[in-house]
Amino acid sequence: MENCRRMPYYVYLLLCEDGSFYTGYTKNLDLRMKLHMNGKGARYTRLRKPRRLVYTEEFNSIGQAMMREKRIKRLSHHQKLRLAKQFRSESTNHNVRLRECQGRMIRRKRNLSSSTR
């Protein structure tokens, strides 16, 4: 059987203008951010206007991404703030693999299951 690389799925956290957070998942992070920023994303972000991307994680399957999204959505506002702050700190201080997304830095997190087959 041929081993083909699947496109990753991303879970992301947006900080909105009213200080609230929006959590979502997508296969194409760049496109999804453009949709949110142009008011064509989720209803939540159309109403609350996203300010910036504050957190991302990368997964190999949609199921894993959906489970993580659900866990993040259950976090309190304070816990989401800590998650975003920790992500920013790790991205800045530990030289984690970075990639640019609409002028904002995001971290690409490796999924542990990709190393076990």
PDB file of N, CA and C in Angstrom:
ATOM      1  N   MET A   1       0.846  -1.180   0.000  1.00  0.00           N
ATOM      2  CA  MET A   1       0.000   0.000   0.000  1.00  0.00           C
ATOM      3  C   MET A   1       0.889   1.241   0.000  1.00  0.00           C
ATOM      4  N   GLU A   2       0.551   2.169  -0.806  1.00  0.00           N
ATOM      5  CA  GLU A   2       1.339   3.374  -0.960  1.00  0.00           C
ATOM      6  C   GLU A   2       1.130   4.305   0.226  1.00  0.00           C
ATOM      7  N   ASN A   3       2.225   4.827   0.749  1.00  0.00           N
ATOM      8  CA  ASN A   3       2.157   5.738   1.881  1.00  0.00           C
ATOM      9  C   ASN A   3       2.032   7.166   1.358  1.00  0.00           C
ATOM     10  N   CYS A   4       0.874   7.765   1.536  1.00  0.00           N
ATOM     11  CA  CYS A   4       0.696   9.139   1.067  1.00  0.00           C
ATOM     12  C   CYS A   4       0.471  10.056   2.266  1.00  0.00           C
ATOM     13  N   ARG A   5       1.049  11.216   2.223  1.00  0.00           N
ATOM     14  CA  ARG A   5       0.945  12.187   3.312  1.00  0.00           C
ATOM     15  C   ARG A   5      -0.393  12.904   3.229  1.00  0.00           C
ATOM     16  N   ARG A   6      -1.108  12.871   4.322  1.00  0.00           N
ATOM     17  CA  ARG A   6      -2.389  13.576   4.396  1.00  0.00           C
ATOM     18  C   ARG A   6      -2.157  15.012   4.814  1.00  0.00           C
ATOM     19  N   MET A   7      -3.052  15.875   4.362  1.00  0.00           N
ATOM     20  CA  MET A   7      -2.985  17.272   4.793  1.00  0.00           C
ATOM     21  C   MET A   7      -3.377  17.330   6.261  1.00  0.00           C
ATOM     22  N   PRO A   8      -2.688  18.144   7.045  1.00  0.00           N
ATOM     23  CA  PRO A   8      -3.008  18.231   8.474  1.00  0.00           C
ATOM     24  C   PRO A   8      -4.297  19.015   8.723  1.00  0.00           C
ATOM     25  N   TYR A   9      -4.836  18.807   9.910  1.00  0.00           N
ATOM     26  CA  TYR A   9      -5.982  19.575  10.401  1.00  0.00           C
ATOM     27  C   TYR A   9      -5.480  20.462  11.529  1.00  0.00           C
ATOM     28  N   TYR A  10      -6.068  21.629  11.653  1.00  0.00           N
ATOM     29  CA  TYR A  10      -5.643  22.593  12.656  1.00  0.00           C
ATOM     30  C   TYR A  10      -6.795  22.932  13.588  1.00  0.00           C
ATOM     31  N   VAL A  11      -6.466  23.077  14.856  1.00  0.00           N
ATOM     32  CA  VAL A  11      -7.371  23.666  15.839  1.00  0.00           C
ATOM     33  C   VAL A  11      -6.784  25.030  16.138  1.00  0.00           C
ATOM     34  N   TYR A  12      -7.623  26.043  16.206  1.00  0.00           N
ATOM     35  CA  TYR A  12      -7.121  27.398  16.391  1.00  0.00           C
ATOM     36  C   TYR A  12      -7.994  28.167  17.369  1.00  0.00           C
ATOM     37  N   LEU A  13      -7.412  29.199  17.938  1.00  0.00           N
ATOM     38  CA  LEU A  13      -8.094  30.048  18.890  1.00  0.00           C
ATOM     39  C   LEU A  13      -7.896  31.494  18.449  1.00  0.00           C
ATOM     40  N   LEU A  14      -9.004  32.189  18.240  1.00  0.00           N
ATOM     41  CA  LEU A  14      -8.968  33.601  17.852  1.00  0.00           C
ATOM     42  C   LEU A  14      -9.373  34.462  19.034  1.00  0.00           C
ATOM     43  N   LEU A  15      -8.688  35.570  19.215  1.00  0.00           N
ATOM     44  CA  LEU A  15      -9.101  36.575  20.177  1.00  0.00           C
ATOM     45  C   LEU A  15      -9.951  37.585  19.422  1.00  0.00           C
ATOM     46  N   CYS A  16     -11.148  37.831  19.914  1.00  0.00           N
ATOM     47  CA  CYS A  16     -12.065  38.762  19.247  1.00  0.00           C
ATOM     48  C   CYS A  16     -11.981  40.146  19.876  1.00  0.00           C
ATOM     49  N   GLU A  17     -12.526  41.152  19.176  1.00  0.00           N
ATOM     50  CA  GLU A  17     -12.451  42.546  19.628  1.00  0.00           C
ATOM     51  C   GLU A  17     -13.102  42.773  20.986  1.00  0.00           C
ATOM     52  N   ASP A  18     -14.099  41.973  21.328  1.00  0.00           N
ATOM     53  CA  ASP A  18     -14.760  42.143  22.631  1.00  0.00           C
ATOM     54  C   ASP A  18     -14.042  41.388  23.749  1.00  0.00           C
ATOM     55  N   GLY A  19     -12.892  40.789  23.452  1.00  0.00           N
ATOM     56  CA  GLY A  19     -12.116  40.062  24.459  1.00  0.00           C
ATOM     57  C   GLY A  19     -12.478  38.599  24.586  1.00  0.00           C
ATOM     58  N   SER A  20     -13.483  38.156  23.849  1.00  0.00           N
ATOM     59  CA  SER A  20     -13.869  36.753  23.891  1.00  0.00           C
ATOM     60  C   SER A  20     -12.985  35.938  22.938  1.00  0.00           C
ATOM     61  N   PHE A  21     -13.084  34.619  23.046  1.00  0.00           N
ATOM     62  CA  PHE A  21     -12.319  33.727  22.190  1.00  0.00           C
ATOM     63  C   PHE A  21     -13.250  32.918  21.300  1.00  0.00           C
ATOM     64  N   TYR A  22     -12.780  32.626  20.105  1.00  0.00           N
ATOM     65  CA  TYR A  22     -13.473  31.714  19.194  1.00  0.00           C
ATOM     66  C   TYR A  22     -12.532  30.547  18.928  1.00  0.00           C
ATOM     67  N   THR A  23     -13.028  29.335  19.070  1.00  0.00           N
ATOM     68  CA  THR A  23     -12.252  28.121  18.812  1.00  0.00           C
ATOM     69  C   THR A  23     -12.849  27.401  17.623  1.00  0.00           C
ATOM     70  N   GLY A  24     -12.000  26.952  16.707  1.00  0.00           N
ATOM     71  CA  GLY A  24     -12.469  26.211  15.540  1.00  0.00           C
ATOM     72  C   GLY A  24     -11.418  25.236  15.052  1.00  0.00           C
ATOM     73  N   TYR A  25     -11.781  24.473  14.037  1.00  0.00           N
ATOM     74  CA  TYR A  25     -10.830  23.575  13.391  1.00  0.00           C
ATOM     75  C   TYR A  25     -10.998  23.702  11.890  1.00  0.00           C
ATOM     76  N   THR A  26      -9.933  23.405  11.164  1.00  0.00           N
ATOM     77  CA  THR A  26      -9.961  23.541   9.714  1.00  0.00           C
ATOM     78  C   THR A  26      -8.857  22.713   9.092  1.00  0.00           C
ATOM     79  N   LYS A  27      -8.985  22.485   7.821  1.00  0.00           N
ATOM     80  CA  LYS A  27      -7.942  21.813   7.057  1.00  0.00           C
ATOM     81  C   LYS A  27      -7.014  22.843   6.399  1.00  0.00           C
ATOM     82  N   ASN A  28      -7.541  24.023   6.120  1.00  0.00           N
ATOM     83  CA  ASN A  28      -6.769  25.069   5.461  1.00  0.00           C
ATOM     84  C   ASN A  28      -6.791  26.315   6.349  1.00  0.00           C
ATOM     85  N   LEU A  29      -5.780  26.452   7.182  1.00  0.00           N
ATOM     86  CA  LEU A  29      -5.750  27.531   8.168  1.00  0.00           C
ATOM     87  C   LEU A  29      -5.685  28.910   7.521  1.00  0.00           C
ATOM     88  N   ASP A  30      -4.860  29.052   6.487  1.00  0.00           N
ATOM     89  CA  ASP A  30      -4.741  30.357   5.829  1.00  0.00           C
ATOM     90  C   ASP A  30      -6.075  30.828   5.264  1.00  0.00           C
ATOM     91  N   LEU A  31      -6.769  29.950   4.553  1.00  0.00           N
ATOM     92  CA  LEU A  31      -8.071  30.305   3.977  1.00  0.00           C
ATOM     93  C   LEU A  31      -9.080  30.619   5.071  1.00  0.00           C
ATOM     94  N   ARG A  32      -9.086  29.806   6.126  1.00  0.00           N
ATOM     95  CA  ARG A  32     -10.049  30.018   7.207  1.00  0.00           C
ATOM     96  C   ARG A  32      -9.821  31.364   7.889  1.00  0.00           C
ATOM     97  N   MET A  33      -8.556  31.735   8.085  1.00  0.00           N
ATOM     98  CA  MET A  33      -8.268  33.031   8.704  1.00  0.00           C
ATOM     99  C   MET A  33      -8.736  34.178   7.807  1.00  0.00           C
ATOM    100  N   LYS A  34      -8.527  34.044   6.518  1.00  0.00           N
ATOM    101  CA  LYS A  34      -8.997  35.076   5.584  1.00  0.00           C
ATOM    102  C   LYS A  34     -10.513  35.219   5.653  1.00  0.00           C
ATOM    103  N   LEU A  35     -11.206  34.091   5.721  1.00  0.00           N
ATOM    104  CA  LEU A  35     -12.670  34.142   5.819  1.00  0.00           C
ATOM    105  C   LEU A  35     -13.107  34.851   7.095  1.00  0.00           C
ATOM    106  N   HIS A  36     -12.498  34.496   8.220  1.00  0.00           N
ATOM    107  CA  HIS A  36     -12.847  35.150   9.487  1.00  0.00           C
ATOM    108  C   HIS A  36     -12.566  36.647   9.424  1.00  0.00           C
ATOM    109  N   MET A  37     -11.386  36.998   8.938  1.00  0.00           N
ATOM    110  CA  MET A  37     -10.982  38.406   8.918  1.00  0.00           C
ATOM    111  C   MET A  37     -11.845  39.245   7.972  1.00  0.00           C
ATOM    112  N   ASN A  38     -12.402  38.604   6.938  1.00  0.00           N
ATOM    113  CA  ASN A  38     -13.253  39.314   5.973  1.00  0.00           C
ATOM    114  C   ASN A  38     -14.737  39.226   6.315  1.00  0.00           C
ATOM    115  N   GLY A  39     -15.066  38.711   7.501  1.00  0.00           N
ATOM    116  CA  GLY A  39     -16.458  38.637   7.929  1.00  0.00           C
ATOM    117  C   GLY A  39     -17.257  37.547   7.247  1.00  0.00           C
ATOM    118  N   LYS A  40     -16.587  36.564   6.682  1.00  0.00           N
ATOM    119  CA  LYS A  40     -17.280  35.477   5.995  1.00  0.00           C
ATOM    120  C   LYS A  40     -17.080  34.136   6.686  1.00  0.00           C
ATOM    121  N   GLY A  41     -16.548  34.161   7.914  1.00  0.00           N
ATOM    122  CA  GLY A  41     -16.333  32.940   8.687  1.00  0.00           C
ATOM    123  C   GLY A  41     -17.575  32.588   9.475  1.00  0.00           C
ATOM    124  N   ALA A  42     -17.370  32.117  10.671  1.00  0.00           N
ATOM    125  CA  ALA A  42     -18.467  31.724  11.552  1.00  0.00           C
ATOM    126  C   ALA A  42     -19.296  32.942  11.975  1.00  0.00           C
ATOM    127  N   ARG A  43     -20.536  32.695  12.294  1.00  0.00           N
ATOM    128  CA  ARG A  43     -21.427  33.767  12.746  1.00  0.00           C
ATOM    129  C   ARG A  43     -20.850  34.482  13.958  1.00  0.00           C
ATOM    130  N   TYR A  44     -20.258  33.716  14.870  1.00  0.00           N
ATOM    131  CA  TYR A  44     -19.665  34.277  16.076  1.00  0.00           C
ATOM    132  C   TYR A  44     -18.631  35.347  15.738  1.00  0.00           C
ATOM    133  N   THR A  45     -17.751  35.044  14.796  1.00  0.00           N
ATOM    134  CA  THR A  45     -16.699  36.007  14.457  1.00  0.00           C
ATOM    135  C   THR A  45     -17.214  37.141  13.578  1.00  0.00           C
ATOM    136  N   ARG A  46     -18.306  36.916  12.869  1.00  0.00           N
ATOM    137  CA  ARG A  46     -18.907  38.025  12.110  1.00  0.00           C
ATOM    138  C   ARG A  46     -19.449  39.073  13.074  1.00  0.00           C
ATOM    139  N   LEU A  47     -19.984  38.624  14.203  1.00  0.00           N
ATOM    140  CA  LEU A  47     -20.570  39.527  15.191  1.00  0.00           C
ATOM    141  C   LEU A  47     -19.525  40.158  16.108  1.00  0.00           C
ATOM    142  N   ARG A  48     -18.463  39.433  16.409  1.00  0.00           N
ATOM    143  CA  ARG A  48     -17.493  39.896  17.402  1.00  0.00           C
ATOM    144  C   ARG A  48     -16.146  40.316  16.818  1.00  0.00           C
ATOM    145  N   LYS A  49     -15.972  40.236  15.533  1.00  0.00           N
ATOM    146  CA  LYS A  49     -14.766  40.674  14.811  1.00  0.00           C
ATOM    147  C   LYS A  49     -13.465  40.134  15.416  1.00  0.00           C
ATOM    148  N   PRO A  50     -12.846  39.183  14.761  1.00  0.00           N
ATOM    149  CA  PRO A  50     -11.581  38.633  15.274  1.00  0.00           C
ATOM    150  C   PRO A  50     -10.466  39.674  15.238  1.00  0.00           C
ATOM    151  N   ARG A  51      -9.686  39.708  16.292  1.00  0.00           N
ATOM    152  CA  ARG A  51      -8.558  40.631  16.369  1.00  0.00           C
ATOM    153  C   ARG A  51      -7.279  39.944  15.900  1.00  0.00           C
ATOM    154  N   ARG A  52      -7.020  38.728  16.445  1.00  0.00           N
ATOM    155  CA  ARG A  52      -5.817  38.017  16.017  1.00  0.00           C
ATOM    156  C   ARG A  52      -5.875  36.539  16.389  1.00  0.00           C
ATOM    157  N   LEU A  53      -5.069  35.780  15.707  1.00  0.00           N
ATOM    158  CA  LEU A  53      -4.887  34.359  15.974  1.00  0.00           C
ATOM    159  C   LEU A  53      -3.933  34.239  17.150  1.00  0.00           C
ATOM    160  N   VAL A  54      -4.335  33.499  18.202  1.00  0.00           N
ATOM    161  CA  VAL A  54      -3.499  33.421  19.395  1.00  0.00           C
ATOM    162  C   VAL A  54      -2.999  32.019  19.716  1.00  0.00           C
ATOM    163  N   TYR A  55      -3.528  30.999  19.018  1.00  0.00           N
ATOM    164  CA  TYR A  55      -3.125  29.623  19.334  1.00  0.00           C
ATOM    165  C   TYR A  55      -3.479  28.702  18.180  1.00  0.00           C
ATOM    166  N   THR A  56      -2.602  27.751  17.894  1.00  0.00           N
ATOM    167  CA  THR A  56      -2.913  26.694  16.921  1.00  0.00           C
ATOM    168  C   THR A  56      -2.266  25.386  17.342  1.00  0.00           C
ATOM    169  N   GLU A  57      -2.861  24.297  16.912  1.00  0.00           N
ATOM    170  CA  GLU A  57      -2.298  22.959  17.055  1.00  0.00           C
ATOM    171  C   GLU A  57      -2.552  22.229  15.743  1.00  0.00           C
ATOM    172  N   GLU A  58      -1.656  21.351  15.389  1.00  0.00           N
ATOM    173  CA  GLU A  58      -1.770  20.583  14.153  1.00  0.00           C
ATOM    174  C   GLU A  58      -2.039  19.112  14.483  1.00  0.00           C
ATOM    175  N   PHE A  59      -2.947  18.483  13.730  1.00  0.00           N
ATOM    176  CA  PHE A  59      -3.313  17.086  13.932  1.00  0.00           C
ATOM    177  C   PHE A  59      -3.335  16.353  12.600  1.00  0.00           C
ATOM    178  N   ASN A  60      -3.184  15.039  12.665  1.00  0.00           N
ATOM    179  CA  ASN A  60      -3.190  14.216  11.452  1.00  0.00           C
ATOM    180  C   ASN A  60      -4.584  13.779  11.029  1.00  0.00           C
ATOM    181  N   SER A  61      -5.564  13.884  11.921  1.00  0.00           N
ATOM    182  CA  SER A  61      -6.913  13.459  11.550  1.00  0.00           C
ATOM    183  C   SER A  61      -7.949  14.470  12.011  1.00  0.00           C
ATOM    184  N   ILE A  62      -9.057  14.477  11.332  1.00  0.00           N
ATOM    185  CA  ILE A  62     -10.151  15.381  11.688  1.00  0.00           C
ATOM    186  C   ILE A  62     -10.735  15.006  13.048  1.00  0.00           C
ATOM    187  N   GLY A  63     -10.761  13.719  13.349  1.00  0.00           N
ATOM    188  CA  GLY A  63     -11.290  13.270  14.637  1.00  0.00           C
ATOM    189  C   GLY A  63     -10.491  13.815  15.804  1.00  0.00           C
ATOM    190  N   GLN A  64      -9.162  13.766  15.685  1.00  0.00           N
ATOM    191  CA  GLN A  64      -8.302  14.300  16.735  1.00  0.00           C
ATOM    192  C   GLN A  64      -8.506  15.809  16.882  1.00  0.00           C
ATOM    193  N   ALA A  65      -8.598  16.503  15.763  1.00  0.00           N
ATOM    194  CA  ALA A  65      -8.797  17.955  15.795  1.00  0.00           C
ATOM    195  C   ALA A  65     -10.134  18.305  16.438  1.00  0.00           C
ATOM    196  N   MET A  66     -11.174  17.562  16.101  1.00  0.00           N
ATOM    197  CA  MET A  66     -12.495  17.838  16.667  1.00  0.00           C
ATOM    198  C   MET A  66     -12.523  17.596  18.180  1.00  0.00           C
ATOM    199  N   MET A  67     -11.841  16.536  18.622  1.00  0.00           N
ATOM    200  CA  MET A  67     -11.791  16.262  20.063  1.00  0.00           C
ATOM    201  C   MET A  67     -11.059  17.378  20.809  1.00  0.00           C
ATOM    202  N   ARG A  68      -9.955  17.848  20.241  1.00  0.00           N
ATOM    203  CA  ARG A  68      -9.194  18.927  20.884  1.00  0.00           C
ATOM    204  C   ARG A  68     -10.009  20.226  20.887  1.00  0.00           C
ATOM    205  N   GLU A  69     -10.700  20.509  19.790  1.00  0.00           N
ATOM    206  CA  GLU A  69     -11.549  21.701  19.733  1.00  0.00           C
ATOM    207  C   GLU A  69     -12.588  21.652  20.855  1.00  0.00           C
ATOM    208  N   LYS A  70     -13.199  20.514  21.030  1.00  0.00           N
ATOM    209  CA  LYS A  70     -14.218  20.362  22.059  1.00  0.00           C
ATOM    210  C   LYS A  70     -13.637  20.598  23.453  1.00  0.00           C
ATOM    211  N   ARG A  71     -12.420  20.076  23.695  1.00  0.00           N
ATOM    212  CA  ARG A  71     -11.775  20.280  24.996  1.00  0.00           C
ATOM    213  C   ARG A  71     -11.460  21.763  25.233  1.00  0.00           C
ATOM    214  N   ILE A  72     -10.966  22.432  24.195  1.00  0.00           N
ATOM    215  CA  ILE A  72     -10.642  23.854  24.344  1.00  0.00           C
ATOM    216  C   ILE A  72     -11.905  24.674  24.590  1.00  0.00           C
ATOM    217  N   LYS A  73     -12.985  24.340  23.897  1.00  0.00           N
ATOM    218  CA  LYS A  73     -14.245  25.079  24.080  1.00  0.00           C
ATOM    219  C   LYS A  73     -14.767  24.963  25.510  1.00  0.00           C
ATOM    220  N   ARG A  74     -14.428  23.875  26.188  1.00  0.00           N
ATOM    221  CA  ARG A  74     -14.873  23.671  27.571  1.00  0.00           C
ATOM    222  C   ARG A  74     -14.027  24.443  28.586  1.00  0.00           C
ATOM    223  N   LEU A  75     -12.892  24.983  28.162  1.00  0.00           N
ATOM    224  CA  LEU A  75     -12.040  25.737  29.075  1.00  0.00           C
ATOM    225  C   LEU A  75     -12.694  27.060  29.446  1.00  0.00           C
ATOM    226  N   SER A  76     -12.367  27.546  30.629  1.00  0.00           N
ATOM    227  CA  SER A  76     -12.850  28.863  31.042  1.00  0.00           C
ATOM    228  C   SER A  76     -12.095  29.937  30.263  1.00  0.00           C
ATOM    229  N   HIS A  77     -12.586  31.154  30.330  1.00  0.00           N
ATOM    230  CA  HIS A  77     -11.920  32.266  29.654  1.00  0.00           C
ATOM    231  C   HIS A  77     -10.489  32.422  30.181  1.00  0.00           C
ATOM    232  N   HIS A  78     -10.336  32.315  31.490  1.00  0.00           N
ATOM    233  CA  HIS A  78      -9.009  32.441  32.105  1.00  0.00           C
ATOM    234  C   HIS A  78      -8.068  31.336  31.611  1.00  0.00           C
ATOM    235  N   GLN A  79      -8.561  30.116  31.491  1.00  0.00           N
ATOM    236  CA  GLN A  79      -7.733  29.008  31.003  1.00  0.00           C
ATOM    237  C   GLN A  79      -7.329  29.221  29.540  1.00  0.00           C
ATOM    238  N   LYS A  80      -8.219  29.782  28.738  1.00  0.00           N
ATOM    239  CA  LYS A  80      -7.888  30.090  27.341  1.00  0.00           C
ATOM    240  C   LYS A  80      -6.832  31.184  27.267  1.00  0.00           C
ATOM    241  N   LEU A  81      -6.924  32.168  28.151  1.00  0.00           N
ATOM    242  CA  LEU A  81      -5.898  33.210  28.210  1.00  0.00           C
ATOM    243  C   LEU A  81      -4.530  32.603  28.518  1.00  0.00           C
ATOM    244  N   ARG A  82      -4.490  31.683  29.487  1.00  0.00           N
ATOM    245  CA  ARG A  82      -3.227  31.027  29.833  1.00  0.00           C
ATOM    246  C   ARG A  82      -2.700  30.195  28.675  1.00  0.00           C
ATOM    247  N   LEU A  83      -3.587  29.510  27.966  1.00  0.00           N
ATOM    248  CA  LEU A  83      -3.186  28.711  26.811  1.00  0.00           C
ATOM    249  C   LEU A  83      -2.557  29.605  25.743  1.00  0.00           C
ATOM    250  N   ALA A  84      -3.190  30.735  25.458  1.00  0.00           N
ATOM    251  CA  ALA A  84      -2.668  31.667  24.463  1.00  0.00           C
ATOM    252  C   ALA A  84      -1.336  32.259  24.910  1.00  0.00           C
ATOM    253  N   LYS A  85      -1.229  32.595  26.189  1.00  0.00           N
ATOM    254  CA  LYS A  85       0.003  33.174  26.711  1.00  0.00           C
ATOM    255  C   LYS A  85       1.136  32.155  26.665  1.00  0.00           C
ATOM    256  N   GLN A  86       0.851  30.917  27.038  1.00  0.00           N
ATOM    257  CA  GLN A  86       1.854  29.849  26.997  1.00  0.00           C
ATOM    258  C   GLN A  86       2.314  29.606  25.563  1.00  0.00           C
ATOM    259  N   PHE A  87       1.377  29.606  24.642  1.00  0.00           N
ATOM    260  CA  PHE A  87       1.699  29.403  23.229  1.00  0.00           C
ATOM    261  C   PHE A  87       2.609  30.511  22.726  1.00  0.00           C
ATOM    262  N   ARG A  88       2.289  31.742  23.049  1.00  0.00           N
ATOM    263  CA  ARG A  88       3.094  32.887  22.631  1.00  0.00           C
ATOM    264  C   ARG A  88       4.495  32.797  23.229  1.00  0.00           C
ATOM    265  N   SER A  89       4.568  32.421  24.494  1.00  0.00           N
ATOM    266  CA  SER A  89       5.850  32.301  25.180  1.00  0.00           C
ATOM    267  C   SER A  89       6.709  31.198  24.565  1.00  0.00           C
ATOM    268  N   GLU A  90       6.114  30.038  24.308  1.00  0.00           N
ATOM    269  CA  GLU A  90       6.855  28.932  23.696  1.00  0.00           C
ATOM    270  C   GLU A  90       7.316  29.301  22.298  1.00  0.00           C
ATOM    271  N   SER A  91       6.464  29.960  21.545  1.00  0.00           N
ATOM    272  CA  SER A  91       6.807  30.343  20.174  1.00  0.00           C
ATOM    273  C   SER A  91       7.953  31.339  20.149  1.00  0.00           C
ATOM    274  N   THR A  92       7.983  32.233  21.106  1.00  0.00           N
ATOM    275  CA  THR A  92       9.009  33.271  21.145  1.00  0.00           C
ATOM    276  C   THR A  92      10.301  32.772  21.777  1.00  0.00           C
ATOM    277  N   ASN A  93      10.194  32.090  22.906  1.00  0.00           N
ATOM    278  CA  ASN A  93      11.379  31.760  23.688  1.00  0.00           C
ATOM    279  C   ASN A  93      12.073  30.467  23.293  1.00  0.00           C
ATOM    280  N   HIS A  94      11.382  29.525  22.743  1.00  0.00           N
ATOM    281  CA  HIS A  94      11.981  28.222  22.487  1.00  0.00           C
ATOM    282  C   HIS A  94      12.214  27.929  21.015  1.00  0.00           C
ATOM    283  N   ASN A  95      12.070  28.914  20.194  1.00  0.00           N
ATOM    284  CA  ASN A  95      12.328  28.765  18.764  1.00  0.00           C
ATOM    285  C   ASN A  95      11.621  27.542  18.178  1.00  0.00           C
ATOM    286  N   VAL A  96      10.339  27.391  18.528  1.00  0.00           N
ATOM    287  CA  VAL A  96       9.514  26.323  17.987  1.00  0.00           C
ATOM    288  C   VAL A  96       9.333  26.565  16.496  1.00  0.00           C
ATOM    289  N   ARG A  97       9.178  25.491  15.707  1.00  0.00           N
ATOM    290  CA  ARG A  97       8.957  25.676  14.268  1.00  0.00           C
ATOM    291  C   ARG A  97       7.800  26.636  14.059  1.00  0.00           C
ATOM    292  N   LEU A  98       8.076  27.681  13.328  1.00  0.00           N
ATOM    293  CA  LEU A  98       7.064  28.708  13.102  1.00  0.00           C
ATOM    294  C   LEU A  98       6.754  28.847  11.629  1.00  0.00           C
ATOM    295  N   ARG A  99       5.570  29.342  11.370  1.00  0.00           N
ATOM    296  CA  ARG A  99       5.214  29.677  10.002  1.00  0.00           C
ATOM    297  C   ARG A  99       4.288  30.875  10.042  1.00  0.00           C
ATOM    298  N   GLU A 100       4.349  31.707   9.051  1.00  0.00           N
ATOM    299  CA  GLU A 100       3.567  32.942   9.036  1.00  0.00           C
ATOM    300  C   GLU A 100       2.159  32.679   8.518  1.00  0.00           C
ATOM    301  N   CYS A 101       1.174  33.293   9.160  1.00  0.00           N
ATOM    302  CA  CYS A 101      -0.216  33.199   8.714  1.00  0.00           C
ATOM    303  C   CYS A 101      -0.810  34.595   8.794  1.00  0.00           C
ATOM    304  N   GLN A 102      -0.920  35.264   7.679  1.00  0.00           N
ATOM    305  CA  GLN A 102      -1.461  36.614   7.602  1.00  0.00           C
ATOM    306  C   GLN A 102      -0.764  37.554   8.578  1.00  0.00           C
ATOM    307  N   GLY A 103       0.551  37.479   8.620  1.00  0.00           N
ATOM    308  CA  GLY A 103       1.310  38.378   9.470  1.00  0.00           C
ATOM    309  C   GLY A 103       1.340  37.991  10.938  1.00  0.00           C
ATOM    310  N   ARG A 104       0.750  36.880  11.300  1.00  0.00           N
ATOM    311  CA  ARG A 104       0.746  36.408  12.681  1.00  0.00           C
ATOM    312  C   ARG A 104       1.509  35.104  12.737  1.00  0.00           C
ATOM    313  N   MET A 105       2.243  34.879  13.808  1.00  0.00           N
ATOM    314  CA  MET A 105       3.041  33.676  13.922  1.00  0.00           C
ATOM    315  C   MET A 105       2.217  32.569  14.570  1.00  0.00           C
ATOM    316  N   ILE A 106       2.332  31.378  14.029  1.00  0.00           N
ATOM    317  CA  ILE A 106       1.669  30.221  14.617  1.00  0.00           C
ATOM    318  C   ILE A 106       2.671  29.102  14.771  1.00  0.00           C
ATOM    319  N   ARG A 107       2.429  28.234  15.698  1.00  0.00           N
ATOM    320  CA  ARG A 107       3.313  27.107  15.931  1.00  0.00           C
ATOM    321  C   ARG A 107       2.695  25.865  15.302  1.00  0.00           C
ATOM    322  N   ARG A 108       3.515  25.071  14.673  1.00  0.00           N
ATOM    323  CA  ARG A 108       3.050  23.806  14.118  1.00  0.00           C
ATOM    324  C   ARG A 108       3.415  22.724  15.114  1.00  0.00           C
ATOM    325  N   LYS A 109       2.424  22.161  15.741  1.00  0.00           N
ATOM    326  CA  LYS A 109       2.657  21.137  16.744  1.00  0.00           C
ATOM    327  C   LYS A 109       2.616  19.768  16.086  1.00  0.00           C
ATOM    328  N   ARG A 110       3.616  18.971  16.348  1.00  0.00           N
ATOM    329  CA  ARG A 110       3.652  17.623  15.789  1.00  0.00           C
ATOM    330  C   ARG A 110       2.739  16.723  16.596  1.00  0.00           C
ATOM    331  N   ASN A 111       2.019  15.911  15.895  1.00  0.00           N
ATOM    332  CA  ASN A 111       1.129  14.964  16.541  1.00  0.00           C
ATOM    333  C   ASN A 111       1.929  13.710  16.873  1.00  0.00           C
ATOM    334  N   LEU A 112       1.847  13.259  18.118  1.00  0.00           N
ATOM    335  CA  LEU A 112       2.609  12.103  18.535  1.00  0.00           C
ATOM    336  C   LEU A 112       2.236  10.841  17.772  1.00  0.00           C
ATOM    337  N   SER A 113       0.997  10.737  17.354  1.00  0.00           N
ATOM    338  CA  SER A 113       0.568   9.523  16.650  1.00  0.00           C
ATOM    339  C   SER A 113       1.220   9.376  15.298  1.00  0.00           C
ATOM    340  N   SER A 114       1.772  10.438  14.730  1.00  0.00           N
ATOM    341  CA  SER A 114       2.423  10.328  13.428  1.00  0.00           C
ATOM    342  C   SER A 114       3.711   9.521  13.515  1.00  0.00           C
ATOM    343  N   SER A 115       4.298   9.460  14.730  1.00  0.00           N
ATOM    344  CA  SER A 115       5.537   8.705  14.867  1.00  0.00           C
ATOM    345  C   SER A 115       5.275   7.233  15.173  1.00  0.00           C
ATOM    346  N   THR A 116       4.040   6.874  15.525  1.00  0.00           N
ATOM    347  CA  THR A 116       3.700   5.471  15.775  1.00  0.00           C
ATOM    348  C   THR A 116       2.772   4.989  14.687  1.00  0.00           C
ATOM    349  N   ARG A 117       3.163   3.941  14.030  1.00  0.00           N
ATOM    350  CA  ARG A 117       2.339   3.421  12.949  1.00  0.00           C
ATOM    351  C   ARG A 117       1.902   2.032  13.246  1.00  0.00           C
TER     352      ARG A 117
END
